[in-house]
């Protein structure tokens, strides 16, 4: 069965901004919609109703992708909870052993800004004064293991280069950095898992 459409459910506006620039590079002509919430807690409150709605009408040639930040949660428990809610609603969730699914729940570790650390070349293209070697420092080398919050870490690096003295604008950074991102070179493992799901959609479309 070929896939011709995907709905993406995200927790906040900066992810939507980034995806609108990234998805054309990843999905090419495949159609998609993005449904954005104001925060993670709102998404988690509403997602069960969304799942039940999809269970009533989702065509076999469409898929649903949910993107949620790990933040301080255990990523395995968070994904298991989302998968369980999907199953209880009557949907089939993607698992490691099965690619026959209706919903794929992906966890962003720790949050969107880790994806920028995963493609430091894009950050440097968007903000030329930033250190070209910042991402090679031990604190930032593994984008998914940055301690103390990835947006806070990115803010420190950008402010050290003279940007955002009054504080990081997440939506502005998303629009500037995502425009330069190359999905094939990203080193964030959580991004790569998301990218793999997007590639699966193309191979069956």
N, C-alpha and C. Protein backbone atom coordinates (compact mmCIF):
# COMPACT_ATOMS: atom_id res chain seq x y z
N UNK A 1 0.84 -1.19 0.00
CA UNK A 1 0.00 0.00 0.00
C UNK A 1 0.88 1.25 0.00
N UNK A 2 0.72 2.10 -0.99
CA UNK A 2 1.51 3.33 -1.05
C UNK A 2 0.92 4.39 -0.11
N UNK A 3 1.80 5.24 0.41
CA UNK A 3 1.40 6.31 1.31
C UNK A 3 1.39 7.62 0.53
N UNK A 4 0.31 8.38 0.65
CA UNK A 4 0.26 9.64 -0.09
C UNK A 4 0.03 10.86 0.79
N UNK A 5 -0.10 10.65 2.12
CA UNK A 5 -0.29 11.81 3.00
C UNK A 5 0.13 11.46 4.42
N UNK A 6 0.65 12.45 5.14
CA UNK A 6 1.01 12.27 6.54
C UNK A 6 0.57 13.49 7.34
N UNK A 7 -0.01 13.24 8.51
CA UNK A 7 -0.30 14.29 9.47
C UNK A 7 0.76 14.27 10.55
N UNK A 8 1.30 15.42 10.89
CA UNK A 8 2.28 15.53 11.97
C UNK A 8 1.67 16.34 13.10
N UNK A 9 1.76 15.81 14.31
CA UNK A 9 1.23 16.47 15.50
C UNK A 9 2.41 16.88 16.37
N UNK A 10 2.54 18.17 16.63
CA UNK A 10 3.71 18.69 17.35
C UNK A 10 3.26 19.51 18.54
N UNK A 11 4.19 19.72 19.46
CA UNK A 11 3.79 20.31 20.73
C UNK A 11 3.92 21.82 20.81
N UNK A 12 4.67 22.45 19.91
CA UNK A 12 4.83 23.90 20.06
C UNK A 12 5.21 24.54 18.73
N UNK A 13 5.04 25.88 18.63
CA UNK A 13 5.17 26.57 17.34
C UNK A 13 6.55 26.51 16.70
N UNK A 14 7.63 26.50 17.48
CA UNK A 14 8.95 26.51 16.84
C UNK A 14 9.20 25.20 16.09
N UNK A 15 8.66 24.09 16.57
CA UNK A 15 8.78 22.84 15.83
C UNK A 15 8.03 22.94 14.51
N UNK A 16 6.86 23.55 14.52
CA UNK A 16 6.12 23.73 13.27
C UNK A 16 6.93 24.56 12.29
N UNK A 17 7.54 25.65 12.76
CA UNK A 17 8.36 26.50 11.89
C UNK A 17 9.49 25.68 11.28
N UNK A 18 10.18 24.91 12.10
CA UNK A 18 11.30 24.10 11.59
C UNK A 18 10.83 23.07 10.58
N UNK A 19 9.72 22.39 10.88
CA UNK A 19 9.24 21.34 9.99
C UNK A 19 8.79 21.88 8.64
N UNK A 20 8.22 23.07 8.61
CA UNK A 20 7.78 23.62 7.33
C UNK A 20 8.96 23.89 6.40
N UNK A 21 10.15 24.01 6.96
CA UNK A 21 11.35 24.17 6.16
C UNK A 21 12.04 22.84 5.89
N UNK A 22 11.91 21.91 6.84
CA UNK A 22 12.59 20.61 6.70
C UNK A 22 11.81 19.61 5.86
N UNK A 23 10.50 19.58 6.02
CA UNK A 23 9.72 18.51 5.38
C UNK A 23 9.80 18.51 3.86
N UNK A 24 9.82 19.68 3.19
CA UNK A 24 9.98 19.62 1.73
C UNK A 24 11.28 18.94 1.30
N UNK A 25 12.31 19.01 2.16
CA UNK A 25 13.57 18.33 1.85
C UNK A 25 13.49 16.83 2.11
N UNK A 26 12.54 16.43 2.95
CA UNK A 26 12.47 15.04 3.39
C UNK A 26 11.35 14.26 2.70
N UNK A 27 10.24 14.94 2.43
CA UNK A 27 9.07 14.26 1.88
C UNK A 27 8.85 14.54 0.40
N UNK A 28 9.58 15.52 -0.12
CA UNK A 28 9.48 15.87 -1.55
C UNK A 28 8.02 16.20 -1.91
N UNK A 29 7.38 15.39 -2.74
CA UNK A 29 6.02 15.70 -3.21
C UNK A 29 4.92 15.11 -2.33
N UNK A 30 5.28 14.35 -1.32
CA UNK A 30 4.28 13.75 -0.44
C UNK A 30 3.56 14.84 0.34
N UNK A 31 2.24 14.81 0.38
CA UNK A 31 1.49 15.86 1.06
C UNK A 31 1.49 15.65 2.57
N UNK A 32 1.34 16.74 3.31
CA UNK A 32 1.34 16.65 4.77
C UNK A 32 0.58 17.84 5.36
N UNK A 33 0.11 17.65 6.59
CA UNK A 33 -0.43 18.71 7.42
C UNK A 33 0.31 18.69 8.75
N UNK A 34 0.44 19.86 9.38
CA UNK A 34 1.05 19.96 10.70
C UNK A 34 0.00 20.54 11.65
N UNK A 35 -0.22 19.84 12.76
CA UNK A 35 -1.14 20.31 13.79
C UNK A 35 -0.32 20.66 15.02
N UNK A 36 -0.36 21.93 15.41
CA UNK A 36 0.53 22.42 16.46
C UNK A 36 -0.25 22.76 17.72
N UNK A 37 0.37 22.50 18.87
CA UNK A 37 -0.19 22.85 20.17
C UNK A 37 0.63 23.97 20.78
N UNK A 38 0.15 24.49 21.87
CA UNK A 38 0.87 25.59 22.52
C UNK A 38 2.00 25.09 23.41
N UNK A 39 1.93 23.83 23.83
CA UNK A 39 2.95 23.27 24.72
C UNK A 39 2.78 21.76 24.80
N UNK A 40 3.74 21.11 25.43
CA UNK A 40 3.71 19.65 25.56
C UNK A 40 2.52 19.17 26.36
N UNK A 41 2.22 19.86 27.47
CA UNK A 41 1.11 19.40 28.31
C UNK A 41 -0.21 19.46 27.57
N UNK A 42 -0.40 20.46 26.72
CA UNK A 42 -1.63 20.54 25.94
C UNK A 42 -1.72 19.36 24.97
N UNK A 43 -0.61 19.05 24.30
CA UNK A 43 -0.62 17.92 23.38
C UNK A 43 -0.99 16.63 24.11
N UNK A 44 -0.38 16.40 25.28
CA UNK A 44 -0.63 15.16 26.00
C UNK A 44 -2.07 15.08 26.50
N UNK A 45 -2.67 16.22 26.80
CA UNK A 45 -4.07 16.23 27.23
C UNK A 45 -5.00 15.89 26.07
N UNK A 46 -4.66 16.37 24.87
CA UNK A 46 -5.56 16.24 23.73
C UNK A 46 -5.30 15.04 22.83
N UNK A 47 -4.14 14.40 22.99
CA UNK A 47 -3.74 13.41 22.00
C UNK A 47 -4.66 12.20 21.98
N UNK A 48 -5.20 11.80 23.12
CA UNK A 48 -6.09 10.63 23.12
C UNK A 48 -7.35 10.89 22.31
N UNK A 49 -7.89 12.11 22.40
CA UNK A 49 -9.05 12.45 21.57
C UNK A 49 -8.67 12.44 20.09
N UNK A 50 -7.48 12.93 19.77
CA UNK A 50 -7.03 12.91 18.37
C UNK A 50 -6.89 11.47 17.88
N UNK A 51 -6.30 10.62 18.71
CA UNK A 51 -6.15 9.21 18.33
C UNK A 51 -7.52 8.57 18.07
N UNK A 52 -8.48 8.83 18.95
CA UNK A 52 -9.81 8.25 18.75
C UNK A 52 -10.44 8.75 17.46
N UNK A 53 -10.21 10.03 17.15
CA UNK A 53 -10.73 10.58 15.90
C UNK A 53 -10.10 9.91 14.69
N UNK A 54 -8.77 9.72 14.72
CA UNK A 54 -8.10 9.05 13.61
C UNK A 54 -8.58 7.62 13.46
N UNK A 55 -8.84 6.95 14.59
CA UNK A 55 -9.27 5.55 14.53
C UNK A 55 -10.59 5.39 13.79
N UNK A 56 -11.39 6.46 13.74
CA UNK A 56 -12.69 6.39 13.08
C UNK A 56 -12.60 6.56 11.57
N UNK A 57 -11.52 7.24 11.10
CA UNK A 57 -11.55 7.54 9.66
C UNK A 57 -10.22 7.43 8.93
N UNK A 58 -9.11 7.17 9.60
CA UNK A 58 -7.80 7.25 8.94
C UNK A 58 -7.73 6.27 7.77
N UNK A 59 -7.53 6.78 6.54
CA UNK A 59 -7.40 5.88 5.38
C UNK A 59 -6.12 5.05 5.46
N UNK A 60 -6.12 3.93 4.78
CA UNK A 60 -4.96 3.04 4.82
C UNK A 60 -3.73 3.63 4.15
N UNK A 61 -3.91 4.67 3.32
CA UNK A 61 -2.77 5.28 2.63
C UNK A 61 -2.30 6.56 3.31
N UNK A 62 -2.66 6.73 4.58
CA UNK A 62 -2.21 7.89 5.34
C UNK A 62 -1.58 7.43 6.65
N UNK A 63 -0.67 8.27 7.17
CA UNK A 63 0.00 7.98 8.43
C UNK A 63 -0.03 9.22 9.33
N UNK A 64 0.15 8.97 10.63
CA UNK A 64 0.20 10.03 11.63
C UNK A 64 1.53 9.93 12.37
N UNK A 65 2.23 11.06 12.49
CA UNK A 65 3.49 11.13 13.22
C UNK A 65 3.31 12.11 14.37
N UNK A 66 3.63 11.67 15.58
CA UNK A 66 3.56 12.53 16.75
C UNK A 66 4.99 12.82 17.21
N UNK A 67 5.30 14.10 17.38
CA UNK A 67 6.62 14.53 17.85
C UNK A 67 6.47 15.22 19.21
N UNK A 68 7.12 14.66 20.21
CA UNK A 68 7.04 15.20 21.57
C UNK A 68 8.45 15.30 22.16
N UNK A 69 8.76 16.41 22.80
CA UNK A 69 10.05 16.57 23.47
C UNK A 69 10.13 15.64 24.68
N UNK A 70 11.30 15.08 24.89
CA UNK A 70 11.50 14.29 26.10
C UNK A 70 11.50 15.18 27.33
N UNK A 71 12.18 16.34 27.25
CA UNK A 71 12.38 17.20 28.42
C UNK A 71 12.99 16.36 29.54
N UNK A 72 12.35 16.32 30.70
CA UNK A 72 12.90 15.55 31.81
C UNK A 72 12.31 14.17 31.95
N UNK A 73 11.48 13.76 31.00
CA UNK A 73 10.83 12.45 31.08
C UNK A 73 11.79 11.33 30.68
N UNK A 74 11.45 10.13 31.07
CA UNK A 74 12.12 8.94 30.55
C UNK A 74 11.57 8.70 29.15
N UNK A 75 12.44 8.70 28.14
CA UNK A 75 11.96 8.63 26.75
C UNK A 75 11.24 7.33 26.46
N UNK A 76 11.70 6.22 27.06
CA UNK A 76 11.06 4.93 26.81
C UNK A 76 9.67 4.89 27.42
N UNK A 77 9.53 5.43 28.62
CA UNK A 77 8.21 5.47 29.26
C UNK A 77 7.26 6.39 28.51
N UNK A 78 7.78 7.53 28.05
CA UNK A 78 6.94 8.48 27.32
C UNK A 78 6.44 7.87 26.02
N UNK A 79 7.34 7.23 25.27
CA UNK A 79 6.92 6.59 24.02
C UNK A 79 5.95 5.44 24.29
N UNK A 80 6.23 4.66 25.32
CA UNK A 80 5.34 3.55 25.64
C UNK A 80 3.94 4.04 25.99
N UNK A 81 3.87 5.16 26.68
CA UNK A 81 2.56 5.73 27.04
C UNK A 81 1.81 6.17 25.79
N UNK A 82 2.50 6.85 24.88
CA UNK A 82 1.84 7.28 23.64
C UNK A 82 1.41 6.07 22.79
N UNK A 83 2.26 5.06 22.72
CA UNK A 83 1.91 3.86 21.97
C UNK A 83 0.69 3.17 22.60
N UNK A 84 0.64 3.14 23.92
CA UNK A 84 -0.49 2.51 24.61
C UNK A 84 -1.78 3.27 24.35
N UNK A 85 -1.72 4.59 24.38
CA UNK A 85 -2.90 5.39 24.11
C UNK A 85 -3.39 5.18 22.68
N UNK A 86 -2.45 5.07 21.74
CA UNK A 86 -2.84 4.81 20.36
C UNK A 86 -3.54 3.46 20.25
N UNK A 87 -2.98 2.44 20.87
CA UNK A 87 -3.56 1.09 20.83
C UNK A 87 -4.93 1.08 21.47
N UNK A 88 -5.08 1.74 22.62
CA UNK A 88 -6.37 1.78 23.30
C UNK A 88 -7.42 2.50 22.48
N UNK A 89 -6.98 3.38 21.59
CA UNK A 89 -7.91 4.11 20.72
C UNK A 89 -8.27 3.32 19.48
N UNK A 90 -7.59 2.21 19.26
CA UNK A 90 -7.88 1.38 18.09
C UNK A 90 -6.92 1.56 16.94
N UNK A 91 -5.76 2.19 17.19
CA UNK A 91 -4.76 2.41 16.17
C UNK A 91 -3.57 1.47 16.37
N UNK A 92 -2.85 1.21 15.29
CA UNK A 92 -1.62 0.43 15.36
C UNK A 92 -0.43 1.38 15.41
N UNK A 93 0.37 1.27 16.46
CA UNK A 93 1.55 2.13 16.62
C UNK A 93 2.78 1.44 16.06
N UNK A 94 3.69 2.24 15.53
CA UNK A 94 4.94 1.70 15.00
C UNK A 94 5.82 1.22 16.14
N UNK A 95 6.37 0.03 15.99
CA UNK A 95 7.32 -0.50 16.95
C UNK A 95 8.62 -0.85 16.23
N UNK A 96 9.61 -1.19 17.00
CA UNK A 96 10.92 -1.53 16.42
C UNK A 96 10.81 -2.74 15.50
N UNK A 97 9.90 -3.65 15.83
CA UNK A 97 9.80 -4.90 15.08
C UNK A 97 8.72 -4.89 14.00
N UNK A 98 7.96 -3.82 13.92
CA UNK A 98 6.87 -3.79 12.93
C UNK A 98 6.77 -2.42 12.29
N UNK A 99 6.78 -2.39 10.98
CA UNK A 99 6.61 -1.16 10.24
C UNK A 99 5.22 -1.07 9.62
N UNK A 100 4.34 -2.02 10.01
CA UNK A 100 2.95 -1.96 9.61
C UNK A 100 2.20 -1.18 10.69
N UNK A 101 2.03 0.10 10.48
CA UNK A 101 1.49 0.96 11.54
C UNK A 101 0.64 2.07 10.94
N UNK A 102 -0.13 2.70 11.83
CA UNK A 102 -0.89 3.90 11.47
C UNK A 102 -0.29 5.14 12.11
N UNK A 103 0.27 4.97 13.31
CA UNK A 103 0.83 6.08 14.08
C UNK A 103 2.27 5.77 14.47
N UNK A 104 3.17 6.73 14.28
CA UNK A 104 4.54 6.62 14.77
C UNK A 104 4.78 7.73 15.78
N UNK A 105 5.08 7.35 17.01
CA UNK A 105 5.37 8.32 18.07
C UNK A 105 6.88 8.48 18.18
N UNK A 106 7.37 9.70 17.97
CA UNK A 106 8.80 9.97 18.00
C UNK A 106 9.09 10.94 19.14
N UNK A 107 10.15 10.65 19.89
CA UNK A 107 10.56 11.48 21.02
C UNK A 107 11.77 12.31 20.62
N UNK A 108 11.66 13.63 20.78
CA UNK A 108 12.75 14.55 20.48
C UNK A 108 13.60 14.69 21.75
N UNK A 109 14.86 14.28 21.67
CA UNK A 109 15.73 14.25 22.86
C UNK A 109 16.81 15.33 22.76
N UNK A 110 16.85 16.24 23.66
CA UNK A 110 15.91 16.50 24.76
C UNK A 110 14.77 17.40 24.27
N UNK A 111 15.11 18.21 23.27
CA UNK A 111 14.12 19.11 22.67
C UNK A 111 14.65 19.53 21.30
N UNK A 112 13.86 20.32 20.59
CA UNK A 112 14.15 20.67 19.20
C UNK A 112 15.57 21.17 18.99
N UNK A 113 16.07 21.97 19.92
CA UNK A 113 17.39 22.58 19.73
C UNK A 113 18.51 21.55 19.63
N UNK A 114 18.28 20.33 20.13
CA UNK A 114 19.29 19.27 19.96
C UNK A 114 19.50 18.97 18.48
N UNK A 115 18.44 19.12 17.68
CA UNK A 115 18.57 18.89 16.24
C UNK A 115 19.48 19.92 15.60
N UNK A 116 19.51 21.14 16.15
CA UNK A 116 20.42 22.16 15.61
C UNK A 116 21.87 21.81 15.95
N UNK A 117 22.11 21.35 17.18
CA UNK A 117 23.46 20.90 17.53
C UNK A 117 23.88 19.73 16.65
N UNK A 118 22.91 18.96 16.18
CA UNK A 118 23.21 17.84 15.30
C UNK A 118 23.64 18.26 13.91
N UNK A 119 23.33 19.49 13.54
CA UNK A 119 23.74 20.02 12.23
C UNK A 119 24.35 21.40 12.47
N UNK A 120 25.53 21.39 13.07
CA UNK A 120 26.16 22.65 13.46
C UNK A 120 26.50 23.52 12.25
N UNK A 121 26.72 22.90 11.12
CA UNK A 121 27.00 23.65 9.89
C UNK A 121 25.82 24.57 9.56
N UNK A 122 24.61 24.12 9.83
CA UNK A 122 23.43 24.94 9.58
C UNK A 122 23.38 26.12 10.54
N UNK A 123 23.74 25.88 11.80
CA UNK A 123 23.77 26.97 12.78
C UNK A 123 24.78 28.03 12.37
N UNK A 124 25.94 27.59 11.93
CA UNK A 124 26.99 28.54 11.51
C UNK A 124 26.57 29.31 10.26
N UNK A 125 25.81 28.67 9.37
CA UNK A 125 25.33 29.37 8.18
C UNK A 125 24.31 30.43 8.56
N UNK A 126 23.48 30.13 9.55
CA UNK A 126 22.45 31.08 9.98
C UNK A 126 23.05 32.20 10.82
N UNK A 127 24.06 31.87 11.62
CA UNK A 127 24.68 32.84 12.54
C UNK A 127 26.19 32.77 12.37
N UNK A 128 26.74 33.51 11.41
CA UNK A 128 28.15 33.36 11.02
C UNK A 128 29.17 33.66 12.11
N UNK A 129 28.79 34.41 13.13
CA UNK A 129 29.76 34.73 14.19
C UNK A 129 29.94 33.61 15.20
N UNK A 130 29.10 32.59 15.13
CA UNK A 130 29.19 31.48 16.07
C UNK A 130 30.46 30.68 15.81
N UNK A 131 31.04 30.17 16.90
CA UNK A 131 32.25 29.34 16.78
C UNK A 131 31.98 28.12 15.93
N UNK A 132 32.83 27.91 14.94
CA UNK A 132 32.68 26.76 14.06
C UNK A 132 33.00 25.45 14.78
N UNK A 133 33.69 25.52 15.90
CA UNK A 133 34.11 24.31 16.60
C UNK A 133 33.32 24.09 17.90
N UNK A 134 32.31 24.90 18.17
CA UNK A 134 31.56 24.78 19.43
C UNK A 134 30.97 23.39 19.59
N UNK A 135 30.45 22.81 18.51
CA UNK A 135 29.78 21.53 18.62
C UNK A 135 30.76 20.38 18.87
N UNK A 136 32.05 20.64 18.66
CA UNK A 136 33.04 19.59 18.90
C UNK A 136 33.46 19.52 20.36
N UNK A 137 33.05 20.49 21.17
CA UNK A 137 33.37 20.45 22.60
C UNK A 137 32.63 19.29 23.25
N UNK A 138 33.21 18.73 24.29
CA UNK A 138 32.65 17.53 24.90
C UNK A 138 31.22 17.76 25.39
N UNK A 139 30.91 18.96 25.85
CA UNK A 139 29.57 19.23 26.38
C UNK A 139 28.50 19.17 25.30
N UNK A 140 28.89 19.40 24.05
CA UNK A 140 27.92 19.49 22.96
C UNK A 140 28.10 18.40 21.89
N UNK A 141 29.07 17.52 22.07
CA UNK A 141 29.43 16.59 21.02
C UNK A 141 28.29 15.62 20.69
N UNK A 142 27.59 15.17 21.73
CA UNK A 142 26.42 14.31 21.52
C UNK A 142 25.18 15.17 21.70
N UNK A 143 24.50 15.54 20.63
CA UNK A 143 23.37 16.47 20.74
C UNK A 143 22.27 15.99 21.67
N UNK A 144 22.08 14.66 21.78
CA UNK A 144 21.01 14.13 22.60
C UNK A 144 21.41 13.93 24.06
N UNK A 145 22.65 14.29 24.40
CA UNK A 145 23.13 14.10 25.77
C UNK A 145 23.54 15.42 26.42
N UNK A 146 23.18 16.54 25.81
CA UNK A 146 23.53 17.84 26.38
C UNK A 146 22.78 18.04 27.68
N UNK A 147 23.47 18.40 28.71
CA UNK A 147 22.87 18.54 30.04
C UNK A 147 22.39 19.98 30.26
N UNK A 148 21.32 20.09 31.05
CA UNK A 148 20.85 21.41 31.46
C UNK A 148 19.94 22.09 30.46
N UNK A 149 19.47 21.37 29.47
CA UNK A 149 18.56 21.95 28.49
C UNK A 149 19.27 22.38 27.23
N UNK A 150 18.80 21.88 26.07
CA UNK A 150 19.48 22.21 24.82
C UNK A 150 19.19 23.62 24.35
N UNK A 151 17.99 24.14 24.63
CA UNK A 151 17.76 25.52 24.19
C UNK A 151 18.58 26.48 25.04
N UNK A 152 18.76 26.16 26.32
CA UNK A 152 19.62 27.00 27.15
C UNK A 152 21.07 26.94 26.68
N UNK A 153 21.51 25.74 26.29
CA UNK A 153 22.88 25.60 25.77
C UNK A 153 23.06 26.39 24.48
N UNK A 154 22.07 26.30 23.59
CA UNK A 154 22.15 27.04 22.33
C UNK A 154 22.13 28.54 22.59
N UNK A 155 21.32 28.97 23.54
CA UNK A 155 21.27 30.39 23.88
C UNK A 155 22.63 30.88 24.35
N UNK A 156 23.30 30.09 25.19
CA UNK A 156 24.63 30.49 25.68
C UNK A 156 25.62 30.65 24.54
N UNK A 157 25.60 29.69 23.61
CA UNK A 157 26.54 29.75 22.48
C UNK A 157 26.24 30.94 21.58
N UNK A 158 24.97 31.19 21.30
CA UNK A 158 24.60 32.31 20.44
C UNK A 158 24.88 33.64 21.12
N UNK A 159 24.61 33.74 22.40
CA UNK A 159 24.88 34.98 23.11
C UNK A 159 26.37 35.25 23.19
N UNK A 160 27.18 34.21 23.33
CA UNK A 160 28.64 34.39 23.35
C UNK A 160 29.14 34.95 22.02
N UNK A 161 28.37 34.71 20.96
CA UNK A 161 28.74 35.22 19.63
C UNK A 161 28.08 36.56 19.33
N UNK A 162 27.35 37.11 20.30
CA UNK A 162 26.75 38.43 20.14
C UNK A 162 25.30 38.44 19.69
N UNK A 163 24.66 37.27 19.64
CA UNK A 163 23.26 37.18 19.21
C UNK A 163 22.33 37.07 20.43
N UNK A 164 21.13 37.56 20.28
CA UNK A 164 20.05 37.43 21.28
C UNK A 164 20.48 37.85 22.70
N UNK A 165 20.99 39.06 22.85
CA UNK A 165 21.37 39.51 24.20
C UNK A 165 20.19 39.55 25.18
N UNK A 166 19.00 39.73 24.66
CA UNK A 166 17.81 39.79 25.52
C UNK A 166 17.14 38.43 25.68
N UNK A 167 17.71 37.38 25.09
CA UNK A 167 17.14 36.05 25.22
C UNK A 167 16.80 35.44 23.87
N UNK A 168 16.89 34.13 23.81
CA UNK A 168 16.69 33.38 22.57
C UNK A 168 15.24 33.45 22.10
N UNK A 169 15.06 33.70 20.82
CA UNK A 169 13.75 33.60 20.18
C UNK A 169 13.68 32.26 19.47
N UNK A 170 12.93 31.32 20.04
CA UNK A 170 12.93 29.95 19.50
C UNK A 170 12.37 29.90 18.08
N UNK A 171 11.32 30.67 17.80
CA UNK A 171 10.74 30.62 16.47
C UNK A 171 11.66 31.26 15.43
N UNK A 172 12.33 32.34 15.79
CA UNK A 172 13.25 32.97 14.86
C UNK A 172 14.43 32.06 14.56
N UNK A 173 14.99 31.45 15.60
CA UNK A 173 16.10 30.52 15.40
C UNK A 173 15.65 29.35 14.52
N UNK A 174 14.45 28.84 14.76
CA UNK A 174 13.94 27.74 13.94
C UNK A 174 13.87 28.13 12.47
N UNK A 175 13.39 29.33 12.19
CA UNK A 175 13.25 29.76 10.80
C UNK A 175 14.60 29.95 10.12
N UNK A 176 15.60 30.41 10.86
CA UNK A 176 16.90 30.68 10.27
C UNK A 176 17.75 29.41 10.14
N UNK A 177 17.75 28.58 11.19
CA UNK A 177 18.61 27.40 11.18
C UNK A 177 18.03 26.31 10.28
N UNK A 178 16.74 26.03 10.40
CA UNK A 178 16.14 24.94 9.62
C UNK A 178 16.27 25.18 8.12
N UNK A 179 16.32 26.45 7.73
CA UNK A 179 16.48 26.77 6.30
C UNK A 179 17.80 26.24 5.75
N UNK A 180 18.80 26.06 6.61
CA UNK A 180 20.12 25.61 6.18
C UNK A 180 20.38 24.13 6.51
N UNK A 181 19.46 23.48 7.18
CA UNK A 181 19.70 22.10 7.62
C UNK A 181 19.66 21.11 6.47
N UNK A 182 20.55 20.16 6.53
CA UNK A 182 20.59 19.04 5.58
C UNK A 182 20.27 17.77 6.37
N UNK A 183 19.09 17.20 6.19
CA UNK A 183 18.70 16.03 7.00
C UNK A 183 19.69 14.88 6.94
N UNK A 184 20.42 14.74 5.87
CA UNK A 184 21.31 13.60 5.71
C UNK A 184 22.56 13.67 6.59
N UNK A 185 22.89 14.85 7.10
CA UNK A 185 24.13 14.97 7.87
C UNK A 185 23.90 15.15 9.37
N UNK A 186 22.65 15.12 9.82
CA UNK A 186 22.37 15.40 11.22
C UNK A 186 22.89 14.30 12.13
N UNK A 187 23.52 14.67 13.24
CA UNK A 187 24.13 13.73 14.16
C UNK A 187 23.26 13.43 15.38
N UNK A 188 22.13 14.09 15.49
CA UNK A 188 21.22 13.80 16.60
C UNK A 188 20.51 12.48 16.33
N UNK A 189 20.63 11.54 17.25
CA UNK A 189 20.01 10.24 17.06
C UNK A 189 18.49 10.34 17.03
N UNK A 190 17.92 11.26 17.82
CA UNK A 190 16.46 11.39 17.79
C UNK A 190 16.00 11.98 16.46
N UNK A 191 16.81 12.88 15.87
CA UNK A 191 16.48 13.36 14.54
C UNK A 191 16.57 12.21 13.53
N UNK A 192 17.61 11.41 13.64
CA UNK A 192 17.80 10.31 12.69
C UNK A 192 16.63 9.32 12.74
N UNK A 193 16.10 9.07 13.94
CA UNK A 193 14.95 8.17 14.05
C UNK A 193 13.72 8.78 13.39
N UNK A 194 13.55 10.09 13.53
CA UNK A 194 12.46 10.78 12.84
C UNK A 194 12.68 10.73 11.33
N UNK A 195 13.91 11.00 10.90
CA UNK A 195 14.24 10.96 9.47
C UNK A 195 13.98 9.58 8.88
N UNK A 196 14.28 8.53 9.65
CA UNK A 196 14.07 7.16 9.15
C UNK A 196 12.59 6.90 8.88
N UNK A 197 11.73 7.41 9.76
CA UNK A 197 10.30 7.23 9.55
C UNK A 197 9.85 7.98 8.29
N UNK A 198 10.37 9.20 8.10
CA UNK A 198 10.03 9.94 6.90
C UNK A 198 10.50 9.20 5.64
N UNK A 199 11.67 8.58 5.71
CA UNK A 199 12.18 7.83 4.55
C UNK A 199 11.32 6.62 4.27
N UNK A 200 10.82 5.97 5.32
CA UNK A 200 9.92 4.83 5.13
C UNK A 200 8.67 5.23 4.35
N UNK A 201 8.15 6.40 4.64
CA UNK A 201 6.95 6.85 3.95
C UNK A 201 7.20 6.98 2.45
N UNK A 202 8.39 7.45 2.11
CA UNK A 202 8.72 7.62 0.69
C UNK A 202 8.90 6.28 0.00
N UNK A 203 9.46 5.32 0.67
CA UNK A 203 9.73 4.05 0.03
C UNK A 203 8.45 3.25 -0.21
N UNK A 204 7.37 3.65 0.50
CA UNK A 204 6.08 2.97 0.28
C UNK A 204 5.09 3.86 -0.44
N UNK A 205 5.57 5.05 -0.93
CA UNK A 205 4.65 5.98 -1.59
C UNK A 205 4.78 5.87 -3.10
